[in-house]
C-alpha cells in the first residue's frame, strides 16, 4: 500500500499528490511514469512522474480528472492508501549538454516537463521554457520551472497571462528573431505537440515529444499503447514515452486515444461518477 502524504488542488479538476513510494523514488528519472491502481477492483492508469525525492522516498504525480479512475483518485485525501504504484516505467529522458533547449509544456503536460527542465539545466544547457494553458488559473509549476530556466515565457488562450495565443506563437517568434535553438521538448495535448513538431520540422530543429496513449499493463504485452513512429509500430510504455516528434503519426494517435470514449462514459455511469 502507498500512502498519500500530501494533496494540493491546483485547479478545479487538476490535483497534485505526493506518494510515499521509496523504491520508485530511488530509481525514478526524468521522463518516466508510473502505473497505479486505487484498489483491487480498480483499473490501471499511467501517470507521468512530476517530481521525486530520493531522500524522502516520495513521488509526485499531477493529474487531471477526465475519466472514472482519475475522478475517483481526485476524491482521495491525505492519509489514504493506494493499492498499487508500479514504476518507474518507460525510458528516461536522454539528458546531455545540447546547448539551447526550448522546453514547451501545455496544460497538464507542464508537470512531466519540470524534472526534464531541471535535469537539462543541471547538465549545463541554456534552458528557455514556454508554458501554455487555456487561462492563467490552469498554469502550474511556474515558480519551480522558472528556477531552472534562463528564460520563462507564458502563453494563454484568453490572454489572462503572458502572450495571448499559443505556445507555438512564442516559439515562432524565437525562430523569426534568429534565436539559435539546438533542441525542443514539447509535452501536452496531442494537437499542441503536432503543431510544434510541424513548425520545427520546417527548420530542421530536433524535437522530442512525450506520448501518453491508452495503456494497460505498461510492460509492452497488451499493445494498447502502440503508436506509429516513422512508419514503424512502437509501444509507448517500453520504447517511449519520448519519441522524435517529426516521425510521430499524430493523426493516428488522436484516433486511437478516442477508441474507448463510450466505454469510459459507461464506466463512469456505473460507478456513479460524473464526466
Protein backbone atom coordinates (compact mmCIF):
# COMPACT_ATOMS: atom_id res chain seq x y z
CA UNK A 1 0.00 0.00 0.00
CA UNK A 2 1.18 3.53 -0.82
CA UNK A 3 0.22 6.46 1.38
CA UNK A 4 -0.85 9.84 0.08
CA UNK A 5 1.37 12.20 2.09
CA UNK A 6 0.17 15.45 0.53
CA UNK A 7 -2.63 16.65 -1.69
CA UNK A 8 -2.97 20.02 -3.43
CA UNK A 9 -5.80 21.32 -5.59
CA UNK A 10 -4.13 23.16 -8.46
CA UNK A 11 -7.39 24.00 -10.24
CA UNK A 12 -10.98 22.75 -10.36
CA UNK A 13 -10.02 19.43 -11.94
CA UNK A 14 -6.23 19.23 -11.56
CA UNK A 15 -4.72 17.70 -8.44
CA UNK A 16 -1.21 17.17 -7.10
CA UNK A 17 -0.33 14.28 -4.80
CA UNK A 18 2.89 13.24 -3.10
CA UNK A 19 3.01 9.48 -2.64
CA UNK A 20 5.22 7.52 -0.24
CA UNK A 21 6.99 5.14 -2.61
CA UNK A 22 10.67 4.77 -1.59
CA UNK A 23 11.66 2.11 -4.12
CA UNK A 24 10.11 4.04 -7.02
CA UNK A 25 11.71 7.31 -5.87
CA UNK A 26 15.09 5.60 -5.59
CA UNK A 27 15.12 4.66 -9.29
CA UNK A 28 12.97 7.40 -10.88
CA UNK A 29 14.44 9.58 -13.62
CA UNK A 30 13.15 12.48 -15.68
CA UNK A 31 10.72 11.42 -18.39
CA UNK A 32 9.46 8.24 -16.75
CA UNK A 33 6.00 7.33 -15.49
CA UNK A 34 4.15 5.09 -13.04
CA UNK A 35 1.02 2.96 -13.25
CA UNK A 36 -1.30 2.96 -10.27
CA UNK A 37 -4.40 1.09 -9.18
CA UNK A 38 -6.54 2.60 -6.44
CA UNK A 39 -8.00 -0.69 -5.17
CA UNK A 40 -8.31 -4.34 -6.15
CA UNK A 41 -11.33 -3.63 -8.37
CA UNK A 42 -9.78 -0.55 -9.97
CA UNK A 43 -8.29 -0.11 -13.42
CA UNK A 44 -4.60 0.52 -14.05
CA UNK A 45 -3.77 4.02 -15.31
CA UNK A 46 -0.44 5.59 -16.30
CA UNK A 47 0.63 8.94 -14.85
CA UNK A 48 3.88 10.73 -15.57
CA UNK A 49 6.27 11.45 -12.71
CA UNK A 50 6.15 15.18 -11.98
CA UNK A 51 8.87 15.05 -9.32
CA UNK A 52 10.64 12.71 -6.93
CA UNK A 53 12.67 12.98 -3.75
CA UNK A 54 15.06 10.11 -3.14
CA UNK A 55 15.88 11.17 0.43
CA UNK A 56 12.23 11.39 1.50
CA UNK A 57 11.14 8.46 -0.65
CA UNK A 58 8.33 10.39 -2.34
CA UNK A 59 6.99 10.58 -5.87
CA UNK A 60 4.83 13.49 -7.04
CA UNK A 61 2.02 12.97 -9.53
CA UNK A 62 -0.18 15.64 -11.11
CA UNK A 63 -3.34 14.58 -12.90
CA UNK A 64 -6.47 15.98 -14.50
CA UNK A 65 -9.82 14.42 -13.62
CA UNK A 66 -11.05 13.27 -17.02
CA UNK A 67 -12.35 9.74 -16.52
CA UNK A 68 -13.59 7.28 -13.91
CA UNK A 69 -10.29 6.50 -12.19
CA UNK A 70 -8.80 10.00 -12.18
CA UNK A 71 -12.07 11.34 -10.79
CA UNK A 72 -12.03 8.69 -8.05
CA UNK A 73 -8.38 9.42 -7.32
CA UNK A 74 -9.26 13.10 -7.03
CA UNK A 75 -11.62 12.36 -4.15
CA UNK A 76 -8.89 10.69 -2.08
CA UNK A 77 -7.32 12.58 0.81
CA UNK A 78 -4.05 12.89 2.67
CA UNK A 79 -3.52 9.69 4.62
CA UNK A 80 -5.48 7.50 2.21
CA UNK A 81 -3.75 4.48 0.71
CA UNK A 82 -3.32 3.48 -2.95
CA UNK A 83 -3.13 -0.27 -3.57
CA UNK A 84 -0.60 -0.39 -6.43
CA UNK A 85 2.00 2.13 -7.53
CA UNK A 86 4.33 0.50 -10.06
CA UNK A 87 7.38 2.16 -11.53
CA UNK A 88 9.44 3.80 -12.68
CA UNK A 89 8.39 2.71 -16.16
CA UNK A 90 9.43 3.78 -19.64
CA UNK A 91 12.73 5.04 -20.98
CA UNK A 92 14.21 8.03 -19.14
CA UNK A 93 14.92 11.28 -20.95
CA UNK A 94 18.32 11.39 -22.68
CA UNK A 95 19.98 14.16 -20.69
CA UNK A 96 23.14 15.71 -22.11
CA UNK A 97 24.56 19.10 -22.91
CA UNK A 98 22.77 20.07 -26.13
CA UNK A 99 23.23 23.84 -25.98
CA UNK A 100 20.00 25.82 -26.10
CA UNK A 101 16.95 23.75 -25.20
CA UNK A 102 13.44 25.15 -25.62
CA UNK A 103 11.04 23.42 -23.24
CA UNK A 104 7.35 23.67 -24.13
CA UNK A 105 4.60 22.50 -21.79
CA UNK A 106 0.86 22.73 -22.33
CA UNK A 107 -1.78 22.18 -19.65
CA UNK A 108 -1.09 19.12 -17.52
CA UNK A 109 1.90 18.45 -19.80
CA UNK A 110 3.73 21.06 -17.75
CA UNK A 111 4.00 18.51 -14.92
CA UNK A 112 6.31 15.97 -16.63
CA UNK A 113 8.26 18.84 -18.21
CA UNK A 114 9.53 20.04 -14.81
CA UNK A 115 12.01 17.22 -13.96
CA UNK A 116 13.34 17.36 -17.54
CA UNK A 117 13.90 21.14 -17.31
CA UNK A 118 15.74 20.65 -14.03
CA UNK A 119 17.92 17.83 -15.35
CA UNK A 120 18.82 19.70 -18.56
CA UNK A 121 19.78 22.83 -16.62
CA UNK A 122 21.91 20.80 -14.22
CA UNK A 123 23.63 19.30 -17.28
CA UNK A 124 24.72 22.80 -18.35
CA UNK A 125 22.16 23.68 -21.01
CA UNK A 126 20.74 27.13 -21.73
CA UNK A 127 17.08 26.49 -20.96
CA UNK A 128 14.18 28.50 -22.36
CA UNK A 129 10.77 27.43 -21.07
CA UNK A 130 7.40 28.22 -22.64
CA UNK A 131 4.31 27.27 -20.65
CA UNK A 132 0.79 27.42 -22.05
CA UNK A 133 -2.77 26.91 -20.85
CA UNK A 134 -6.31 27.95 -21.70
CA UNK A 135 -6.18 30.57 -18.92
CA UNK A 136 -3.91 31.59 -16.05
CA UNK A 137 -5.80 29.50 -13.47
CA UNK A 138 -4.70 26.34 -15.30
CA UNK A 139 -1.00 27.18 -15.25
CA UNK A 140 1.16 25.22 -12.82
CA UNK A 141 4.73 24.86 -11.54
CA UNK A 142 5.72 28.31 -12.83
CA UNK A 143 7.98 29.04 -9.86
CA UNK A 144 9.59 25.60 -9.93
CA UNK A 145 10.31 25.68 -13.68
CA UNK A 146 11.46 29.30 -13.56
CA UNK A 147 14.12 28.30 -11.01
CA UNK A 148 15.84 26.11 -13.61
CA UNK A 149 15.13 28.26 -16.68
CA UNK A 150 17.25 31.04 -18.12
CA UNK A 151 14.07 32.50 -19.59
CA UNK A 152 10.43 31.71 -18.91
CA UNK A 153 7.52 32.71 -21.15
CA UNK A 154 3.79 32.25 -20.64
CA UNK A 155 1.03 31.93 -23.24
CA UNK A 156 -2.69 31.69 -22.52
CA UNK A 157 -5.51 31.21 -24.99
CA UNK A 158 -7.53 34.05 -23.46
CA UNK A 159 -4.63 36.41 -22.75
CA UNK A 160 -5.20 36.33 -18.98
CA UNK A 161 -1.44 35.99 -18.53
CA UNK A 162 1.51 36.42 -20.85
CA UNK A 163 1.10 36.16 -24.61
CA UNK A 164 -2.46 35.88 -25.87
CA UNK A 165 -2.32 32.87 -28.12
CA UNK A 166 -0.44 29.62 -28.32
CA UNK A 167 2.98 28.34 -27.27
CA UNK A 168 3.78 27.82 -30.95
CA UNK A 169 3.40 31.60 -31.47
CA UNK A 170 6.16 32.24 -28.93
CA UNK A 171 8.36 29.57 -30.50
CA UNK A 172 7.83 31.06 -33.97
CA UNK A 173 8.94 34.45 -32.67
CA UNK A 174 12.14 32.93 -31.33
CA UNK A 175 12.82 31.39 -34.70
CA UNK A 176 11.98 34.62 -36.54
CA UNK A 177 14.36 36.52 -34.26
CA UNK A 178 17.13 34.12 -35.33
CA UNK A 179 17.47 32.65 -31.86
CA UNK A 180 19.71 29.58 -32.06
CA UNK A 181 17.79 26.52 -30.89
CA UNK A 182 19.52 23.16 -30.62
CA UNK A 183 16.63 21.03 -29.39
CA UNK A 184 12.96 21.34 -28.42
CA UNK A 185 10.83 19.34 -25.99
CA UNK A 186 7.04 19.57 -26.32
CA UNK A 187 4.72 17.89 -23.83
CA UNK A 188 0.98 18.48 -23.66
CA UNK A 189 -2.19 17.95 -25.69
CA UNK A 190 -1.64 15.92 -28.85
CA UNK A 191 -2.68 18.79 -31.11
CA UNK A 192 -0.18 21.10 -29.39
CA UNK A 193 2.66 18.63 -29.88
CA UNK A 194 1.64 18.15 -33.51
CA UNK A 195 1.66 21.89 -34.23
CA UNK A 196 5.05 22.37 -32.54
CA UNK A 197 6.57 19.39 -34.36
CA UNK A 198 5.26 20.58 -37.73
CA UNK A 199 6.74 24.02 -37.05
CA UNK A 200 10.20 22.82 -36.01
CA UNK A 201 10.35 20.32 -38.85
CA UNK A 202 10.39 23.20 -41.33
CA UNK A 203 13.56 24.49 -39.65
CA UNK A 204 15.13 21.09 -39.01
CA UNK A 205 15.16 21.59 -35.23
CA UNK A 206 15.28 18.30 -33.35
CA UNK A 207 12.05 17.92 -31.37
CA UNK A 208 11.16 15.41 -28.67
CA UNK A 209 7.57 14.73 -27.61
CA UNK A 210 6.24 12.65 -24.72
CA UNK A 211 3.24 10.48 -25.56
CA UNK A 212 0.59 9.23 -23.16
CA UNK A 213 -1.67 6.92 -25.19
CA UNK A 214 -4.13 4.40 -23.78
CA UNK A 215 -2.13 1.93 -21.72
CA UNK A 216 -2.99 -1.18 -19.69
CA UNK A 217 -0.02 -3.19 -18.42
CA UNK A 218 2.89 -0.81 -19.08
CA UNK A 219 5.27 -3.66 -19.98
CA UNK A 220 4.72 -3.99 -23.73
CA UNK A 221 2.43 -7.03 -23.62
CA UNK A 222 -1.06 -5.61 -24.24
CA UNK A 223 -0.23 -3.47 -27.26
CA UNK A 224 -2.78 -0.85 -26.26
CA UNK A 225 -0.23 1.96 -26.31
CA UNK A 226 1.16 1.28 -29.76
CA UNK A 227 1.99 4.33 -31.83
CA UNK A 228 3.27 4.80 -35.35
CA UNK A 229 6.71 6.41 -35.43
CA UNK A 230 8.49 6.76 -38.74
CA UNK A 231 6.16 4.15 -40.23
CA UNK A 232 7.08 1.61 -37.55
CA UNK A 233 4.94 0.39 -34.67
CA UNK A 234 6.33 1.34 -31.26
CA UNK A 235 5.00 0.79 -27.76
CA UNK A 236 4.95 3.99 -25.71
CA UNK A 237 5.34 2.06 -22.45
CA UNK A 238 8.67 0.39 -23.27
CA UNK A 239 10.01 2.24 -26.33
CA UNK A 240 8.92 5.66 -25.02
CA UNK A 241 7.21 7.65 -23.74
CA UNK A 242 9.52 10.07 -25.60
CA UNK A 243 9.85 9.97 -29.37
CA UNK A 244 11.12 12.06 -32.28
CA UNK A 245 8.21 14.45 -32.84
CA UNK A 246 8.95 14.70 -36.56
CA UNK A 247 8.26 10.97 -37.00
CA UNK A 248 5.09 10.53 -34.89
CA UNK A 249 1.80 9.95 -36.70
CA UNK A 250 -0.26 12.33 -34.55
CA UNK A 251 -3.48 11.86 -36.53
CA UNK A 252 -3.42 8.12 -35.87
CA UNK A 253 -2.62 8.77 -32.21
CA UNK A 254 -5.63 11.08 -31.84
CA UNK A 255 -7.93 8.47 -33.36
CA UNK A 256 -6.61 5.71 -31.10
CA UNK A 257 -6.98 7.84 -27.98
CA UNK A 258 -10.71 8.16 -28.65
CA UNK A 259 -11.32 4.44 -29.09
CA UNK A 260 -12.94 3.89 -25.70
CA UNK A 261 -14.91 7.10 -25.16
CA UNK A 262 -18.24 5.26 -25.00
CA UNK A 263 -16.84 2.63 -22.63
CA UNK A 264 -15.42 5.35 -20.38
CA UNK A 265 -18.81 7.05 -20.23
CA UNK A 266 -20.45 3.75 -19.29
CA UNK A 267 -17.81 3.04 -16.62
CA UNK A 268 -18.41 6.47 -15.07
CA UNK A 269 -22.15 5.89 -15.14
CA UNK A 270 -21.84 2.52 -13.39
CA UNK A 271 -19.51 3.99 -10.76
CA UNK A 272 -21.78 6.98 -10.19
CA UNK A 273 -19.07 9.37 -11.38
CA UNK A 274 -19.98 12.43 -13.44
CA UNK A 275 -17.92 13.12 -16.55
